[in-house]
């Protein structure tokens, strides 16, 4: 059995999740990576060149998919040292026009998989007295998000949950860190149907930089980190002083379709 620490990363086939896996591989972690698409096998094949990597193709928006991941992790008989809960999706457009099923799937993936996996894997971390948890929220968590309201709300939930859980675990040796990326150069905007928006055309951060910021903050036990560019940190700071209607107005200019 390997004596290296073990990291479990969700949403790791592309984007920030894959870069989180690369960062942890560079730090000599063995990996279990999960996503709902075949690309997870390709990602595992690449990562296996530098560290033992197990791919789990599972739909974490479903209870069956969550259980599939948990069963695979437990089958290893090893402690989980890092848990990076990153899988997520957007559902763009006016709330009244987005199909209910799309919103329900968003909540199931963005929120429910985080709660379910944390609920099952954290007790052993606490019992052992050590572990690091990284939850990918978003800079969108700091302001209302017109035209993808359920996404922004889900990320606000995750940030609040991470901060609350961190306080509960403050004396256990387990830390929880919230990662708040800004617009990042990933497949997120295409998958979320945001092609015809200002934010789609805007300059975006390198996902490798965002992941590096997140991993470094997590390993230092920080409560949260705004990943990526200095502009993101300015935006987060501004959200502390602007009233909610003003934040919603500014945000809407980026997320509303150009022809609406």
C-alpha atoms as a PDB file:
ATOM      1  CA  UNK A   1       0.000   0.000   0.000  1.00  0.00           C
ATOM      2  CA  UNK A   2       1.241   3.493  -0.866  1.00  0.00           C
ATOM      3  CA  UNK A   3       2.456   5.638   2.008  1.00  0.00           C
ATOM      4  CA  UNK A   4       1.793   8.876   0.118  1.00  0.00           C
ATOM      5  CA  UNK A   5      -1.111  11.092   1.211  1.00  0.00           C
ATOM      6  CA  UNK A   6      -4.376  10.693  -0.692  1.00  0.00           C
ATOM      7  CA  UNK A   7      -6.421  13.455  -2.307  1.00  0.00           C
ATOM      8  CA  UNK A   8      -9.971  13.136  -3.646  1.00  0.00           C
ATOM      9  CA  UNK A   9     -11.002  15.746  -6.248  1.00  0.00           C
ATOM     10  CA  UNK A  10     -14.436  16.113  -7.844  1.00  0.00           C
ATOM     11  CA  UNK A  11     -15.052  17.779 -11.191  1.00  0.00           C
ATOM     12  CA  UNK A  12     -11.490  16.941 -12.182  1.00  0.00           C
ATOM     13  CA  UNK A  13     -11.746  16.086 -15.882  1.00  0.00           C
ATOM     14  CA  UNK A  14     -11.039  19.650 -17.075  1.00  0.00           C
ATOM     15  CA  UNK A  15     -10.621  23.209 -15.880  1.00  0.00           C
ATOM     16  CA  UNK A  16      -9.918  24.149 -12.274  1.00  0.00           C
ATOM     17  CA  UNK A  17     -10.535  20.599 -11.041  1.00  0.00           C
ATOM     18  CA  UNK A  18      -7.923  19.106 -13.344  1.00  0.00           C
ATOM     19  CA  UNK A  19      -5.466  21.813 -12.339  1.00  0.00           C
ATOM     20  CA  UNK A  20      -6.142  21.089  -8.656  1.00  0.00           C
ATOM     21  CA  UNK A  21      -5.242  17.480  -9.384  1.00  0.00           C
ATOM     22  CA  UNK A  22      -2.037  18.536 -11.155  1.00  0.00           C
ATOM     23  CA  UNK A  23      -1.064  20.759  -8.238  1.00  0.00           C
ATOM     24  CA  UNK A  24      -1.604  17.972  -5.739  1.00  0.00           C
ATOM     25  CA  UNK A  25       0.209  15.442  -7.930  1.00  0.00           C
ATOM     26  CA  UNK A  26       3.202  17.801  -7.966  1.00  0.00           C
ATOM     27  CA  UNK A  27       3.092  17.691  -4.172  1.00  0.00           C
ATOM     28  CA  UNK A  28       3.255  13.880  -4.191  1.00  0.00           C
ATOM     29  CA  UNK A  29      -0.378  13.121  -3.396  1.00  0.00           C
ATOM     30  CA  UNK A  30      -1.988   9.974  -4.761  1.00  0.00           C
ATOM     31  CA  UNK A  31      -5.268  10.877  -6.450  1.00  0.00           C
ATOM     32  CA  UNK A  32      -8.862   9.784  -6.809  1.00  0.00           C
ATOM     33  CA  UNK A  33     -10.469  12.023  -9.425  1.00  0.00           C
ATOM     34  CA  UNK A  34     -14.144  12.068 -10.367  1.00  0.00           C
ATOM     35  CA  UNK A  35     -16.316  13.544 -13.115  1.00  0.00           C
ATOM     36  CA  UNK A  36     -19.374  12.498 -15.095  1.00  0.00           C
ATOM     37  CA  UNK A  37     -17.692  12.392 -18.508  1.00  0.00           C
ATOM     38  CA  UNK A  38     -15.254  10.039 -20.276  1.00  0.00           C
ATOM     39  CA  UNK A  39     -12.520  12.705 -20.219  1.00  0.00           C
ATOM     40  CA  UNK A  40     -11.883  11.719 -16.612  1.00  0.00           C
ATOM     41  CA  UNK A  41     -10.091   8.618 -17.902  1.00  0.00           C
ATOM     42  CA  UNK A  42      -7.875  10.760 -20.132  1.00  0.00           C
ATOM     43  CA  UNK A  43      -7.080  13.034 -17.207  1.00  0.00           C
ATOM     44  CA  UNK A  44      -6.174  10.031 -15.056  1.00  0.00           C
ATOM     45  CA  UNK A  45      -3.901   8.631 -17.756  1.00  0.00           C
ATOM     46  CA  UNK A  46      -2.028  11.943 -17.910  1.00  0.00           C
ATOM     47  CA  UNK A  47      -1.747  12.288 -14.126  1.00  0.00           C
ATOM     48  CA  UNK A  48      -0.649   8.668 -13.715  1.00  0.00           C
ATOM     49  CA  UNK A  49       2.667   9.623 -15.310  1.00  0.00           C
ATOM     50  CA  UNK A  50       3.525  11.485 -12.103  1.00  0.00           C
ATOM     51  CA  UNK A  51       1.433   9.860  -9.360  1.00  0.00           C
ATOM     52  CA  UNK A  52      -0.918   6.884  -8.821  1.00  0.00           C
ATOM     53  CA  UNK A  53      -4.334   8.036 -10.008  1.00  0.00           C
ATOM     54  CA  UNK A  54      -7.766   6.400  -9.948  1.00  0.00           C
ATOM     55  CA  UNK A  55     -10.564   7.727 -12.170  1.00  0.00           C
ATOM     56  CA  UNK A  56     -14.214   7.449 -11.196  1.00  0.00           C
ATOM     57  CA  UNK A  57     -16.753   8.330 -13.872  1.00  0.00           C
ATOM     58  CA  UNK A  58     -19.903   9.112 -11.932  1.00  0.00           C
ATOM     59  CA  UNK A  59     -22.725  11.636 -12.061  1.00  0.00           C
ATOM     60  CA  UNK A  60     -22.464  13.399  -8.726  1.00  0.00           C
ATOM     61  CA  UNK A  61     -25.817  15.099  -9.284  1.00  0.00           C
ATOM     62  CA  UNK A  62     -27.362  11.740  -8.370  1.00  0.00           C
ATOM     63  CA  UNK A  63     -27.311   9.722  -5.151  1.00  0.00           C
ATOM     64  CA  UNK A  64     -26.087   6.725  -7.144  1.00  0.00           C
ATOM     65  CA  UNK A  65     -23.145   8.691  -8.497  1.00  0.00           C
ATOM     66  CA  UNK A  66     -22.161   9.976  -5.073  1.00  0.00           C
ATOM     67  CA  UNK A  67     -22.329   6.448  -3.680  1.00  0.00           C
ATOM     68  CA  UNK A  68     -20.203   5.182  -6.551  1.00  0.00           C
ATOM     69  CA  UNK A  69     -17.456   7.649  -5.638  1.00  0.00           C
ATOM     70  CA  UNK A  70     -17.692   6.908  -1.922  1.00  0.00           C
ATOM     71  CA  UNK A  71     -17.535   3.154  -2.482  1.00  0.00           C
ATOM     72  CA  UNK A  72     -14.421   3.507  -4.619  1.00  0.00           C
ATOM     73  CA  UNK A  73     -12.664   5.713  -2.070  1.00  0.00           C
ATOM     74  CA  UNK A  74     -13.527   3.376   0.792  1.00  0.00           C
ATOM     75  CA  UNK A  75     -12.400   0.329  -1.168  1.00  0.00           C
ATOM     76  CA  UNK A  76      -8.858   1.664  -0.952  1.00  0.00           C
ATOM     77  CA  UNK A  77      -8.802   1.284   2.816  1.00  0.00           C
ATOM     78  CA  UNK A  78      -6.794   4.501   3.124  1.00  0.00           C
ATOM     79  CA  UNK A  79      -7.324   7.786   4.933  1.00  0.00           C
ATOM     80  CA  UNK A  80      -8.278  10.796   2.851  1.00  0.00           C
ATOM     81  CA  UNK A  81      -5.850  13.641   3.517  1.00  0.00           C
ATOM     82  CA  UNK A  82      -7.270  16.211   1.078  1.00  0.00           C
ATOM     83  CA  UNK A  83     -10.862  16.542  -0.092  1.00  0.00           C
ATOM     84  CA  UNK A  84     -11.369  19.026  -2.942  1.00  0.00           C
ATOM     85  CA  UNK A  85     -15.072  19.431  -3.717  1.00  0.00           C
ATOM     86  CA  UNK A  86     -15.048  21.255  -7.011  1.00  0.00           C
ATOM     87  CA  UNK A  87     -17.708  19.801  -9.354  1.00  0.00           C
ATOM     88  CA  UNK A  88     -20.282  22.325 -10.503  1.00  0.00           C
ATOM     89  CA  UNK A  89     -22.397  23.591 -13.372  1.00  0.00           C
ATOM     90  CA  UNK A  90     -24.251  26.779 -14.389  1.00  0.00           C
ATOM     91  CA  UNK A  91     -27.743  27.284 -15.799  1.00  0.00           C
ATOM     92  CA  UNK A  92     -27.740  30.634 -17.590  1.00  0.00           C
ATOM     93  CA  UNK A  93     -30.703  32.736 -18.613  1.00  0.00           C
ATOM     94  CA  UNK A  94     -33.718  34.423 -17.014  1.00  0.00           C
ATOM     95  CA  UNK A  95     -34.965  32.360 -14.093  1.00  0.00           C
ATOM     96  CA  UNK A  96     -38.481  32.163 -15.548  1.00  0.00           C
ATOM     97  CA  UNK A  97     -37.128  30.667 -18.767  1.00  0.00           C
ATOM     98  CA  UNK A  98     -34.591  28.164 -17.422  1.00  0.00           C
ATOM     99  CA  UNK A  99     -36.214  24.718 -17.187  1.00  0.00           C
ATOM    100  CA  UNK A 100     -36.862  23.532 -13.655  1.00  0.00           C
ATOM    101  CA  UNK A 101     -34.895  20.356 -14.301  1.00  0.00           C
ATOM    102  CA  UNK A 102     -31.798  22.417 -15.118  1.00  0.00           C
ATOM    103  CA  UNK A 103     -32.066  24.342 -11.856  1.00  0.00           C
ATOM    104  CA  UNK A 104     -32.703  21.140  -9.919  1.00  0.00           C
ATOM    105  CA  UNK A 105     -29.650  19.463 -11.432  1.00  0.00           C
ATOM    106  CA  UNK A 106     -27.544  22.523 -10.627  1.00  0.00           C
ATOM    107  CA  UNK A 107     -28.564  22.377  -6.977  1.00  0.00           C
ATOM    108  CA  UNK A 108     -27.959  18.635  -6.866  1.00  0.00           C
ATOM    109  CA  UNK A 109     -24.453  18.915  -8.290  1.00  0.00           C
ATOM    110  CA  UNK A 110     -23.239  22.216  -6.891  1.00  0.00           C
ATOM    111  CA  UNK A 111     -24.647  21.763  -3.389  1.00  0.00           C
ATOM    112  CA  UNK A 112     -25.883  18.252  -2.671  1.00  0.00           C
ATOM    113  CA  UNK A 113     -22.732  16.425  -3.761  1.00  0.00           C
ATOM    114  CA  UNK A 114     -20.659  18.673  -1.488  1.00  0.00           C
ATOM    115  CA  UNK A 115     -22.900  17.965   1.493  1.00  0.00           C
ATOM    116  CA  UNK A 116     -23.097  14.238   0.828  1.00  0.00           C
ATOM    117  CA  UNK A 117     -19.392  13.600   0.249  1.00  0.00           C
ATOM    118  CA  UNK A 118     -18.358  15.820   3.162  1.00  0.00           C
ATOM    119  CA  UNK A 119     -20.885  14.168   5.458  1.00  0.00           C
ATOM    120  CA  UNK A 120     -19.467  10.733   4.660  1.00  0.00           C
ATOM    121  CA  UNK A 121     -15.710  11.385   4.494  1.00  0.00           C
ATOM    122  CA  UNK A 122     -15.188  14.099   7.112  1.00  0.00           C
ATOM    123  CA  UNK A 123     -15.884  11.970  10.224  1.00  0.00           C
ATOM    124  CA  UNK A 124     -12.806   9.822   9.606  1.00  0.00           C
ATOM    125  CA  UNK A 125     -10.690  12.950   9.115  1.00  0.00           C
ATOM    126  CA  UNK A 126     -11.951  14.353  12.397  1.00  0.00           C
ATOM    127  CA  UNK A 127     -11.404  11.039  14.158  1.00  0.00           C
ATOM    128  CA  UNK A 128      -7.821  10.989  12.872  1.00  0.00           C
ATOM    129  CA  UNK A 129      -7.318  14.643  13.808  1.00  0.00           C
ATOM    130  CA  UNK A 130      -5.995  15.830  10.468  1.00  0.00           C
ATOM    131  CA  UNK A 131      -7.165  16.732   6.985  1.00  0.00           C
ATOM    132  CA  UNK A 132      -7.668  19.563   4.521  1.00  0.00           C
ATOM    133  CA  UNK A 133     -10.918  20.392   2.718  1.00  0.00           C
ATOM    134  CA  UNK A 134     -11.204  22.765  -0.252  1.00  0.00           C
ATOM    135  CA  UNK A 135     -14.641  23.833  -1.476  1.00  0.00           C
ATOM    136  CA  UNK A 136     -14.834  25.679  -4.796  1.00  0.00           C
ATOM    137  CA  UNK A 137     -17.215  28.583  -4.439  1.00  0.00           C
ATOM    138  CA  UNK A 138     -16.956  31.629  -6.731  1.00  0.00           C
ATOM    139  CA  UNK A 139     -16.541  35.374  -6.682  1.00  0.00           C
ATOM    140  CA  UNK A 140     -20.196  35.241  -7.749  1.00  0.00           C
ATOM    141  CA  UNK A 141     -20.955  34.216  -4.169  1.00  0.00           C
ATOM    142  CA  UNK A 142     -20.268  37.776  -3.046  1.00  0.00           C
ATOM    143  CA  UNK A 143     -23.073  39.401  -5.059  1.00  0.00           C
ATOM    144  CA  UNK A 144     -26.516  38.672  -6.528  1.00  0.00           C
ATOM    145  CA  UNK A 145     -26.287  36.984  -9.928  1.00  0.00           C
ATOM    146  CA  UNK A 146     -29.036  38.034 -12.335  1.00  0.00           C
ATOM    147  CA  UNK A 147     -29.367  35.829 -15.426  1.00  0.00           C
ATOM    148  CA  UNK A 148     -27.800  32.883 -13.623  1.00  0.00           C
ATOM    149  CA  UNK A 149     -29.425  33.422 -10.261  1.00  0.00           C
ATOM    150  CA  UNK A 150     -29.432  29.789  -9.110  1.00  0.00           C
ATOM    151  CA  UNK A 151     -25.716  29.434  -9.886  1.00  0.00           C
ATOM    152  CA  UNK A 152     -24.704  32.520  -7.908  1.00  0.00           C
ATOM    153  CA  UNK A 153     -26.970  31.484  -5.058  1.00  0.00           C
ATOM    154  CA  UNK A 154     -25.472  27.987  -5.003  1.00  0.00           C
ATOM    155  CA  UNK A 155     -21.977  29.453  -4.754  1.00  0.00           C
ATOM    156  CA  UNK A 156     -23.084  31.776  -1.935  1.00  0.00           C
ATOM    157  CA  UNK A 157     -24.382  28.696  -0.144  1.00  0.00           C
ATOM    158  CA  UNK A 158     -21.057  26.909  -0.594  1.00  0.00           C
ATOM    159  CA  UNK A 159     -19.018  29.829   0.721  1.00  0.00           C
ATOM    160  CA  UNK A 160     -21.255  30.215   3.761  1.00  0.00           C
ATOM    161  CA  UNK A 161     -21.238  26.460   4.344  1.00  0.00           C
ATOM    162  CA  UNK A 162     -17.446  26.307   4.139  1.00  0.00           C
ATOM    163  CA  UNK A 163     -17.052  29.129   6.647  1.00  0.00           C
ATOM    164  CA  UNK A 164     -19.594  27.655   9.040  1.00  0.00           C
ATOM    165  CA  UNK A 165     -18.159  24.166   8.829  1.00  0.00           C
ATOM    166  CA  UNK A 166     -14.659  25.534   9.342  1.00  0.00           C
ATOM    167  CA  UNK A 167     -15.754  27.098  12.639  1.00  0.00           C
ATOM    168  CA  UNK A 168     -17.359  23.859  13.811  1.00  0.00           C
ATOM    169  CA  UNK A 169     -14.138  21.942  13.097  1.00  0.00           C
ATOM    170  CA  UNK A 170     -11.747  24.578  14.464  1.00  0.00           C
ATOM    171  CA  UNK A 171     -10.406  22.351  17.263  1.00  0.00           C
ATOM    172  CA  UNK A 172     -10.292  19.048  15.358  1.00  0.00           C
ATOM    173  CA  UNK A 173      -7.142  19.400  13.240  1.00  0.00           C
ATOM    174  CA  UNK A 174      -9.275  19.532  10.067  1.00  0.00           C
ATOM    175  CA  UNK A 175      -9.437  22.814   8.139  1.00  0.00           C
ATOM    176  CA  UNK A 176     -11.918  23.986   5.506  1.00  0.00           C
ATOM    177  CA  UNK A 177     -10.991  26.530   2.835  1.00  0.00           C
ATOM    178  CA  UNK A 178     -13.339  28.298   0.425  1.00  0.00           C
ATOM    179  CA  UNK A 179     -11.905  29.012  -3.033  1.00  0.00           C
ATOM    180  CA  UNK A 180     -13.504  31.971  -4.824  1.00  0.00           C
ATOM    181  CA  UNK A 181     -12.352  32.149  -8.462  1.00  0.00           C
ATOM    182  CA  UNK A 182     -13.353  34.915 -10.806  1.00  0.00           C
ATOM    183  CA  UNK A 183     -13.992  34.323 -14.517  1.00  0.00           C
ATOM    184  CA  UNK A 184     -11.591  31.543 -15.481  1.00  0.00           C
ATOM    185  CA  UNK A 185     -10.574  30.176 -18.870  1.00  0.00           C
ATOM    186  CA  UNK A 186     -12.415  26.847 -18.728  1.00  0.00           C
ATOM    187  CA  UNK A 187     -15.347  25.135 -20.471  1.00  0.00           C
ATOM    188  CA  UNK A 188     -17.697  26.493 -17.800  1.00  0.00           C
ATOM    189  CA  UNK A 189     -19.178  29.301 -19.907  1.00  0.00           C
ATOM    190  CA  UNK A 190     -19.839  27.097 -22.932  1.00  0.00           C
ATOM    191  CA  UNK A 191     -21.410  24.387 -20.813  1.00  0.00           C
ATOM    192  CA  UNK A 192     -23.549  26.936 -18.986  1.00  0.00           C
ATOM    193  CA  UNK A 193     -24.905  28.516 -22.173  1.00  0.00           C
ATOM    194  CA  UNK A 194     -23.224  31.886 -21.585  1.00  0.00           C
ATOM    195  CA  UNK A 195     -21.650  32.379 -25.018  1.00  0.00           C
ATOM    196  CA  UNK A 196     -23.541  35.589 -25.908  1.00  0.00           C
ATOM    197  CA  UNK A 197     -22.616  37.575 -22.788  1.00  0.00           C
ATOM    198  CA  UNK A 198     -20.046  40.212 -21.881  1.00  0.00           C
ATOM    199  CA  UNK A 199     -18.399  37.885 -19.391  1.00  0.00           C
ATOM    200  CA  UNK A 200     -17.853  35.274 -22.122  1.00  0.00           C
ATOM    201  CA  UNK A 201     -15.752  37.734 -24.122  1.00  0.00           C
ATOM    202  CA  UNK A 202     -13.895  39.177 -21.133  1.00  0.00           C
ATOM    203  CA  UNK A 203     -10.314  38.310 -20.246  1.00  0.00           C
ATOM    204  CA  UNK A 204     -10.197  35.290 -17.984  1.00  0.00           C
ATOM    205  CA  UNK A 205      -7.775  33.849 -15.466  1.00  0.00           C
ATOM    206  CA  UNK A 206      -5.545  30.849 -16.028  1.00  0.00           C
ATOM    207  CA  UNK A 207      -7.104  27.847 -14.238  1.00  0.00           C
ATOM    208  CA  UNK A 208      -3.626  26.674 -13.239  1.00  0.00           C
ATOM    209  CA  UNK A 209      -3.074  29.934 -11.352  1.00  0.00           C
ATOM    210  CA  UNK A 210      -6.473  29.676  -9.666  1.00  0.00           C
ATOM    211  CA  UNK A 211      -5.787  26.082  -8.633  1.00  0.00           C
ATOM    212  CA  UNK A 212      -2.353  26.987  -7.291  1.00  0.00           C
ATOM    213  CA  UNK A 213      -3.872  29.757  -5.183  1.00  0.00           C
ATOM    214  CA  UNK A 214      -6.488  27.348  -3.858  1.00  0.00           C
ATOM    215  CA  UNK A 215      -4.096  24.522  -3.002  1.00  0.00           C
ATOM    216  CA  UNK A 216      -1.601  26.820  -1.318  1.00  0.00           C
ATOM    217  CA  UNK A 217      -4.322  28.441   0.801  1.00  0.00           C
ATOM    218  CA  UNK A 218      -5.795  25.053   1.684  1.00  0.00           C
ATOM    219  CA  UNK A 219      -2.466  23.561   2.752  1.00  0.00           C
ATOM    220  CA  UNK A 220      -1.809  26.645   4.902  1.00  0.00           C
ATOM    221  CA  UNK A 221      -5.200  26.152   6.542  1.00  0.00           C
ATOM    222  CA  UNK A 222      -6.620  29.507   5.431  1.00  0.00           C
ATOM    223  CA  UNK A 223     -10.338  30.151   5.667  1.00  0.00           C
ATOM    224  CA  UNK A 224     -10.767  31.437   2.093  1.00  0.00           C
ATOM    225  CA  UNK A 225      -8.897  32.720  -0.930  1.00  0.00           C
ATOM    226  CA  UNK A 226      -9.924  34.786  -3.948  1.00  0.00           C
ATOM    227  CA  UNK A 227      -8.202  32.914  -6.756  1.00  0.00           C
ATOM    228  CA  UNK A 228      -6.644  34.422  -9.847  1.00  0.00           C
ATOM    229  CA  UNK A 229      -6.085  38.053 -10.732  1.00  0.00           C
ATOM    230  CA  UNK A 230      -5.845  41.156  -8.549  1.00  0.00           C
ATOM    231  CA  UNK A 231      -9.035  42.359 -10.252  1.00  0.00           C
ATOM    232  CA  UNK A 232     -10.923  39.553  -8.525  1.00  0.00           C
ATOM    233  CA  UNK A 233      -9.668  40.689  -5.138  1.00  0.00           C
ATOM    234  CA  UNK A 234     -10.773  44.244  -5.891  1.00  0.00           C
ATOM    235  CA  UNK A 235     -14.197  42.956  -6.886  1.00  0.00           C
ATOM    236  CA  UNK A 236     -14.478  40.967  -3.667  1.00  0.00           C
ATOM    237  CA  UNK A 237     -13.490  44.031  -1.647  1.00  0.00           C
ATOM    238  CA  UNK A 238     -16.023  46.210  -3.465  1.00  0.00           C
ATOM    239  CA  UNK A 239     -18.771  43.728  -2.661  1.00  0.00           C
ATOM    240  CA  UNK A 240     -18.298  44.541   1.010  1.00  0.00           C
ATOM    241  CA  UNK A 241     -19.322  48.168   0.533  1.00  0.00           C
ATOM    242  CA  UNK A 242     -21.754  48.272  -2.387  1.00  0.00           C
ATOM    243  CA  UNK A 243     -25.477  47.809  -1.626  1.00  0.00           C
ATOM    244  CA  UNK A 244     -27.081  44.656  -2.984  1.00  0.00           C
ATOM    245  CA  UNK A 245     -29.098  46.386  -5.765  1.00  0.00           C
ATOM    246  CA  UNK A 246     -25.922  48.052  -7.052  1.00  0.00           C
ATOM    247  CA  UNK A 247     -24.026  44.769  -7.018  1.00  0.00           C
ATOM    248  CA  UNK A 248     -26.873  43.080  -8.890  1.00  0.00           C
ATOM    249  CA  UNK A 249     -26.884  45.843 -11.511  1.00  0.00           C
ATOM    250  CA  UNK A 250     -23.129  45.617 -12.107  1.00  0.00           C
ATOM    251  CA  UNK A 251     -23.181  41.819 -12.231  1.00  0.00           C
ATOM    252  CA  UNK A 252     -26.127  41.761 -14.637  1.00  0.00           C
ATOM    253  CA  UNK A 253     -24.163  43.726 -17.222  1.00  0.00           C
ATOM    254  CA  UNK A 254     -21.763  40.792 -17.477  1.00  0.00           C
ATOM    255  CA  UNK A 255     -24.250  37.914 -17.437  1.00  0.00           C
ATOM    256  CA  UNK A 256     -27.214  39.163 -19.463  1.00  0.00           C
ATOM    257  CA  UNK A 257     -27.325  38.055 -23.096  1.00  0.00           C
ATOM    258  CA  UNK A 258     -26.347  40.875 -25.422  1.00  0.00           C
ATOM    259  CA  UNK A 259     -29.557  40.732 -27.475  1.00  0.00           C
ATOM    260  CA  UNK A 260     -31.904  40.994 -24.489  1.00  0.00           C
END
